[in-house]
Amino acid sequence: MKRPTSLSDWLVVTVGTAFGLGLFPIAPGSFAALLGVAVHAAVWHFAPEHTMTVLWVSFGITCLVHFVLNNAAARYWDDPDSGNFVMDEVAGYLLTAILAHAFLPMSATPWILIEGFLLFRVLDIVKLPPARQIDRHWHNAFGVILDDLVSAAYAAGLLVLQLRLMG
């Protein structure tokens, strides 16, 4: 990896990689999504009454960081959708949790943390339509994050459906 030579490079390598999680040689997106899981688990454990607020604020900040740093990341890695720039994966897990919590009781949080993460990652890798088309054709900041948000909606929907059917 080349060394950061400017403030924008430093922000991309530090923040845009989810504090280094996106630099893992294997499954960087999955390791980065775990940052969202950690935020979710921490707030649920220490301040459960604020779970939705913290998830929404974290999601908003993550999306903002994605849009602010996306062009710098594309230049730094010479790739419009580098596997190392992982704010989209963090945002994707957070949206999975937000959508699942909208339809499930707080007591379902352990399921959301574990199964929500796994479903999101599998669906983000598989990329069901229209996520696949977005990933293939929209090579800009909006497209880079939108395919993850579509996968997050699928993951949350499947999780809610499964937990509702289980009773």
Foldseek 3Di string as FASTA:
>chain_A
DDDDDDPLSVCCCQVQQLRCLLVPPPPSQLSSLVVLLVQQVVCCVPPVVCNLVSLVVLLVVLLVSLQVNQVVNCVVVVALQDSRRHSLSNNLLSLLLNLLCVQDPSVCSVCSSPQLSVQLVVCLVVQDPPLVVLCVPPSHSCSNNVSSNVSSVVSSVVSNVVVVVVD
